[in-house]
C-alpha atoms as a PDB file:
ATOM      1  CA  MET A   1      28.709 -10.960  41.209  1.00  0.00           C
ATOM      2  CA  GLU A   2      25.186 -10.813  40.416  1.00  0.00           C
ATOM      3  CA  SER A   3      22.741 -13.289  41.365  1.00  0.00           C
ATOM      4  CA  ARG A   4      21.226 -15.367  38.502  1.00  0.00           C
ATOM      5  CA  ASN A   5      17.493 -13.975  39.685  1.00  0.00           C
ATOM      6  CA  ALA A   6      19.055 -10.401  39.252  1.00  0.00           C
ATOM      7  CA  VAL A   7      20.096 -11.360  35.816  1.00  0.00           C
ATOM      8  CA  LEU A   8      16.863 -12.727  34.726  1.00  0.00           C
ATOM      9  CA  ALA A   9      14.830  -9.754  36.321  1.00  0.00           C
ATOM     10  CA  ALA A  10      16.954  -7.464  34.326  1.00  0.00           C
ATOM     11  CA  TYR A  11      16.611  -9.538  31.098  1.00  0.00           C
ATOM     12  CA  LEU A  12      12.583  -9.321  31.670  1.00  0.00           C
ATOM     13  CA  ASP A  13      12.672  -5.610  32.566  1.00  0.00           C
ATOM     14  CA  TYR A  14      14.892  -4.824  29.368  1.00  0.00           C
ATOM     15  CA  PHE A  15      12.484  -6.667  27.291  1.00  0.00           C
ATOM     16  CA  ARG A  16       9.407  -5.286  28.813  1.00  0.00           C
ATOM     17  CA  ALA A  17      10.856  -1.832  28.455  1.00  0.00           C
ATOM     18  CA  THR A  18      11.609  -2.430  24.889  1.00  0.00           C
ATOM     19  CA  VAL A  19       8.482  -3.611  24.072  1.00  0.00           C
ATOM     20  CA  LEU A  20       6.682  -0.700  25.796  1.00  0.00           C
ATOM     21  CA  ALA A  21       8.930   1.623  24.144  1.00  0.00           C
ATOM     22  CA  LYS A  22       8.495   0.243  20.720  1.00  0.00           C
ATOM     23  CA  ALA A  23       4.782   0.270  20.981  1.00  0.00           C
ATOM     24  CA  THR A  24       4.325   3.540  22.881  1.00  0.00           C
ATOM     25  CA  ARG A  25       6.309   5.614  20.104  1.00  0.00           C
ATOM     26  CA  LEU A  26       3.670   4.739  17.557  1.00  0.00           C
ATOM     27  CA  ALA A  27       0.978   7.266  16.825  1.00  0.00           C
ATOM     28  CA  PRO A  28      -2.240   6.871  18.815  1.00  0.00           C
ATOM     29  CA  ASP A  29      -4.213   5.242  15.907  1.00  0.00           C
ATOM     30  CA  GLU A  30      -1.262   3.064  15.235  1.00  0.00           C
ATOM     31  CA  LEU A  31      -1.294   1.764  18.324  1.00  0.00           C
ATOM     32  CA  ARG A  32      -4.699   0.453  17.988  1.00  0.00           C
ATOM     33  CA  ARG A  33      -4.853  -0.264  13.985  1.00  0.00           C
ATOM     34  CA  SER A  34      -3.517  -3.975  12.789  1.00  0.00           C
ATOM     35  CA  ARG A  35      -1.139  -4.042   9.924  1.00  0.00           C
ATOM     36  CA  LEU A  36      -0.760  -7.353   9.881  1.00  0.00           C
ATOM     37  CA  ALA A  37      -2.788 -10.791   8.538  1.00  0.00           C
ATOM     38  CA  SER A  38      -3.247 -12.073  11.811  1.00  0.00           C
ATOM     39  CA  GLY A  39      -4.996  -9.311  12.963  1.00  0.00           C
ATOM     40  CA  TRP A  40      -3.518  -7.942  16.294  1.00  0.00           C
ATOM     41  CA  SER A  41      -2.741  -4.378  17.192  1.00  0.00           C
ATOM     42  CA  PRO A  42       0.492  -3.241  19.067  1.00  0.00           C
ATOM     43  CA  LEU A  43      -2.123  -2.255  22.234  1.00  0.00           C
ATOM     44  CA  GLU A  44      -3.373  -5.511  21.900  1.00  0.00           C
ATOM     45  CA  LEU A  45      -0.054  -7.192  22.452  1.00  0.00           C
ATOM     46  CA  LEU A  46       0.676  -4.970  25.164  1.00  0.00           C
ATOM     47  CA  LYS A  47      -2.360  -6.214  26.927  1.00  0.00           C
ATOM     48  CA  HIS A  48      -1.677  -9.911  25.900  1.00  0.00           C
ATOM     49  CA  LEU A  49       1.879  -9.677  27.494  1.00  0.00           C
ATOM     50  CA  ARG A  50       0.400  -8.539  30.826  1.00  0.00           C
ATOM     51  CA  TRP A  51      -1.862 -11.222  30.738  1.00  0.00           C
ATOM     52  CA  VAL A  52       0.959 -13.858  29.913  1.00  0.00           C
ATOM     53  CA  GLU A  53       3.085 -12.898  32.890  1.00  0.00           C
ATOM     54  CA  LEU A  54       0.045 -12.965  34.759  1.00  0.00           C
ATOM     55  CA  ARG A  55      -0.962 -16.412  34.122  1.00  0.00           C
ATOM     56  CA  TRP A  56       2.800 -17.722  34.216  1.00  0.00           C
ATOM     57  CA  ILE A  57       3.321 -15.805  37.625  1.00  0.00           C
ATOM     58  CA  GLU A  58       0.684 -15.440  39.667  1.00  0.00           C
ATOM     59  CA  TRP A  59      -1.805 -18.285  38.060  1.00  0.00           C
ATOM     60  CA  GLY A  60       0.642 -20.850  37.745  1.00  0.00           C
ATOM     61  CA  PHE A  61       3.579 -20.227  39.770  1.00  0.00           C
ATOM     62  CA  GLU A  62       2.105 -18.844  42.891  1.00  0.00           C
ATOM     63  CA  GLY A  63      -0.955 -20.730  42.332  1.00  0.00           C
ATOM     64  CA  ARG A  64      -3.656 -17.774  42.862  1.00  0.00           C
ATOM     65  CA  THR A  65      -7.209 -18.452  41.552  1.00  0.00           C
ATOM     66  CA  PHE A  66      -8.445 -16.467  38.718  1.00  0.00           C
ATOM     67  CA  GLU A  67     -12.288 -16.493  37.344  1.00  0.00           C
ATOM     68  CA  GLU A  68     -10.784 -15.570  34.037  1.00  0.00           C
ATOM     69  CA  PRO A  69      -7.198 -16.153  33.571  1.00  0.00           C
ATOM     70  CA  TRP A  70      -7.461 -15.621  29.881  1.00  0.00           C
ATOM     71  CA  GLY A  71      -9.143 -12.142  30.023  1.00  0.00           C
ATOM     72  CA  ASP A  72      -6.740 -10.956  27.302  1.00  0.00           C
ATOM     73  CA  TRP A  73      -8.590 -13.411  24.788  1.00  0.00           C
ATOM     74  CA  ARG A  74     -12.060 -12.668  23.143  1.00  0.00           C
ATOM     75  CA  ASP A  75     -13.506 -14.973  20.072  1.00  0.00           C
ATOM     76  CA  GLY A  76      -9.816 -16.711  19.853  1.00  0.00           C
ATOM     77  CA  ARG A  77      -7.905 -13.484  19.704  1.00  0.00           C
ATOM     78  CA  TRP A  78      -6.444 -10.958  21.721  1.00  0.00           C
ATOM     79  CA  HIS A  79      -8.770  -8.117  22.467  1.00  0.00           C
ATOM     80  CA  VAL A  80      -8.707  -4.682  24.089  1.00  0.00           C
ATOM     81  CA  ASP A  81     -12.126  -2.901  24.121  1.00  0.00           C
ATOM     82  CA  PRO A  82     -12.474   0.309  21.931  1.00  0.00           C
ATOM     83  CA  ASP A  83     -12.954   2.488  25.137  1.00  0.00           C
ATOM     84  CA  GLU A  84     -10.209   0.649  27.067  1.00  0.00           C
ATOM     85  CA  PRO A  85      -7.698   3.493  27.533  1.00  0.00           C
ATOM     86  CA  ALA A  86      -4.085   3.011  26.305  1.00  0.00           C
ATOM     87  CA  GLU A  87      -2.510   4.274  29.489  1.00  0.00           C
ATOM     88  CA  GLU A  88      -4.491   1.782  31.437  1.00  0.00           C
ATOM     89  CA  VAL A  89      -3.037  -1.129  29.530  1.00  0.00           C
ATOM     90  CA  VAL A  90       0.503   0.244  29.817  1.00  0.00           C
ATOM     91  CA  ALA A  91       0.075   0.815  33.452  1.00  0.00           C
ATOM     92  CA  ALA A  92      -1.150  -2.808  33.837  1.00  0.00           C
ATOM     93  CA  LEU A  93       1.600  -4.256  32.119  1.00  0.00           C
ATOM     94  CA  ARG A  94       4.135  -1.935  34.142  1.00  0.00           C
ATOM     95  CA  ALA A  95       2.461  -3.073  37.181  1.00  0.00           C
ATOM     96  CA  GLN A  96       2.739  -6.545  36.328  1.00  0.00           C
ATOM     97  CA  GLY A  97       6.278  -6.663  35.767  1.00  0.00           C
ATOM     98  CA  GLU A  98       6.770  -5.005  39.159  1.00  0.00           C
ATOM     99  CA  HIS A  99       4.881  -7.885  40.715  1.00  0.00           C
ATOM    100  CA  THR A 100       6.910 -10.289  38.653  1.00  0.00           C
ATOM    101  CA  ARG A 101      10.143  -8.653  39.678  1.00  0.00           C
ATOM    102  CA  GLU A 102       9.271  -8.750  43.558  1.00  0.00           C
ATOM    103  CA  ILE A 103       8.504 -12.602  42.773  1.00  0.00           C
ATOM    104  CA  ILE A 104      11.723 -13.174  41.393  1.00  0.00           C
ATOM    105  CA  MET A 105      13.966 -11.221  43.782  1.00  0.00           C
ATOM    106  CA  ALA A 106      12.553 -13.076  46.883  1.00  0.00           C
ATOM    107  CA  THR A 107      12.249 -16.495  45.473  1.00  0.00           C
ATOM    108  CA  ASP A 108      14.655 -19.434  44.756  1.00  0.00           C
ATOM    109  CA  LEU A 109      14.952 -20.284  40.985  1.00  0.00           C
ATOM    110  CA  ALA A 110      14.670 -23.755  41.772  1.00  0.00           C
ATOM    111  CA  GLU A 111      11.339 -23.380  43.628  1.00  0.00           C
ATOM    112  CA  VAL A 112       8.294 -25.432  41.609  1.00  0.00           C
ATOM    113  CA  GLY A 113       4.973 -23.577  40.878  1.00  0.00           C
ATOM    114  CA  GLN A 114       1.801 -24.402  42.567  1.00  0.00           C
ATOM    115  CA  PRO A 115       0.012 -27.471  41.046  1.00  0.00           C
ATOM    116  CA  GLY A 116      -3.173 -26.334  39.671  1.00  0.00           C
ATOM    117  CA  PRO A 117      -5.157 -25.635  36.363  1.00  0.00           C
ATOM    118  CA  ARG A 118      -2.561 -23.653  34.842  1.00  0.00           C
ATOM    119  CA  TRP A 119      -0.512 -26.581  34.155  1.00  0.00           C
ATOM    120  CA  GLU A 120      -3.350 -28.671  32.872  1.00  0.00           C
ATOM    121  CA  GLY A 121      -2.104 -31.711  35.065  1.00  0.00           C
ATOM    122  CA  ALA A 122       1.606 -31.352  34.307  1.00  0.00           C
ATOM    123  CA  GLU A 123       4.338 -30.878  36.636  1.00  0.00           C
ATOM    124  CA  PRO A 124       4.239 -27.336  37.597  1.00  0.00           C
ATOM    125  CA  PRO A 125       7.709 -25.888  36.132  1.00  0.00           C
ATOM    126  CA  THR A 126      10.561 -24.092  38.509  1.00  0.00           C
ATOM    127  CA  LEU A 127      10.478 -20.312  38.705  1.00  0.00           C
ATOM    128  CA  GLU A 128      13.640 -20.451  36.452  1.00  0.00           C
ATOM    129  CA  ARG A 129      11.772 -22.190  33.668  1.00  0.00           C
ATOM    130  CA  ILE A 130       8.969 -19.970  33.817  1.00  0.00           C
ATOM    131  CA  LEU A 131      11.164 -17.067  33.558  1.00  0.00           C
ATOM    132  CA  LEU A 132      13.049 -18.317  30.740  1.00  0.00           C
ATOM    133  CA  HIS A 133       9.570 -18.834  28.892  1.00  0.00           C
ATOM    134  CA  LEU A 134       8.890 -15.061  29.626  1.00  0.00           C
ATOM    135  CA  VAL A 135      12.073 -13.816  28.467  1.00  0.00           C
ATOM    136  CA  GLN A 136      11.649 -15.609  25.114  1.00  0.00           C
ATOM    137  CA  GLU A 137       8.041 -14.525  24.807  1.00  0.00           C
ATOM    138  CA  TYR A 138       9.038 -10.613  25.226  1.00  0.00           C
ATOM    139  CA  ALA A 139      12.206 -11.268  23.102  1.00  0.00           C
ATOM    140  CA  ARG A 140       9.904 -12.667  20.277  1.00  0.00           C
ATOM    141  CA  HIS A 141       7.162  -9.842  20.483  1.00  0.00           C
ATOM    142  CA  ALA A 142       9.640  -7.123  20.599  1.00  0.00           C
ATOM    143  CA  GLY A 143      10.664  -8.301  17.117  1.00  0.00           C
ATOM    144  CA  HIS A 144       7.212  -8.558  16.002  1.00  0.00           C
ATOM    145  CA  LEU A 145       6.886  -4.864  17.061  1.00  0.00           C
ATOM    146  CA  ASP A 146       9.934  -3.894  14.866  1.00  0.00           C
ATOM    147  CA  ILE A 147       7.899  -5.145  11.874  1.00  0.00           C
ATOM    148  CA  VAL A 148       4.689  -3.230  12.618  1.00  0.00           C
ATOM    149  CA  ALA A 149       6.640  -0.045  13.384  1.00  0.00           C
ATOM    150  CA  GLU A 150       8.288  -0.221  10.033  1.00  0.00           C
ATOM    151  CA  LEU A 151       5.227  -0.941   8.490  1.00  0.00           C
ATOM    152  CA  SER A 152       3.262   1.882  10.033  1.00  0.00           C
ATOM    153  CA  GLU A 153       6.439   4.384   9.036  1.00  0.00           C
ATOM    154  CA  ASP A 154       6.192   3.117   5.289  1.00  0.00           C
ATOM    155  CA  GLU A 155       2.605   4.484   5.019  1.00  0.00           C
ATOM    156  CA  ARG A 156       3.026   8.090   6.865  1.00  0.00           C
ATOM    157  CA  PRO A 157       2.751  10.809   4.536  1.00  0.00           C
ATOM    158  CA  GLU A 158       5.841  12.939   3.773  1.00  0.00           C
END
């Protein structure tokens, strides 16, 4: 029987790979283009997801210090610099996922995160609670990318 750690790691890996596949199948100009009223691009979403994992796992659970844990935000929204290569954003998300997997497989799910600014004075959650949050975050954004991909296909010349 698979451990709960392995099951949660597999779900996160699956949804991360799904999001990466959906986004990287888009044409390069579509990866940086927003088709939504909220204004985010698929590349900004990938960068956001990397930082979500960083905030929950490294900053929150591990208690690491970060000067700017909201590095995916600028002027109140997700941001990718125009000269930031898409390949670097994708590689950063993959590397973050590898780190998360290492933590999952080496840690009891009942272990509580480190107290610190991530939790804004609240009690830190368990690793299991953090992972369930990450799974729902990825699943939700995978659905968002389905819509973006559909919109981009509708406007491609025949």
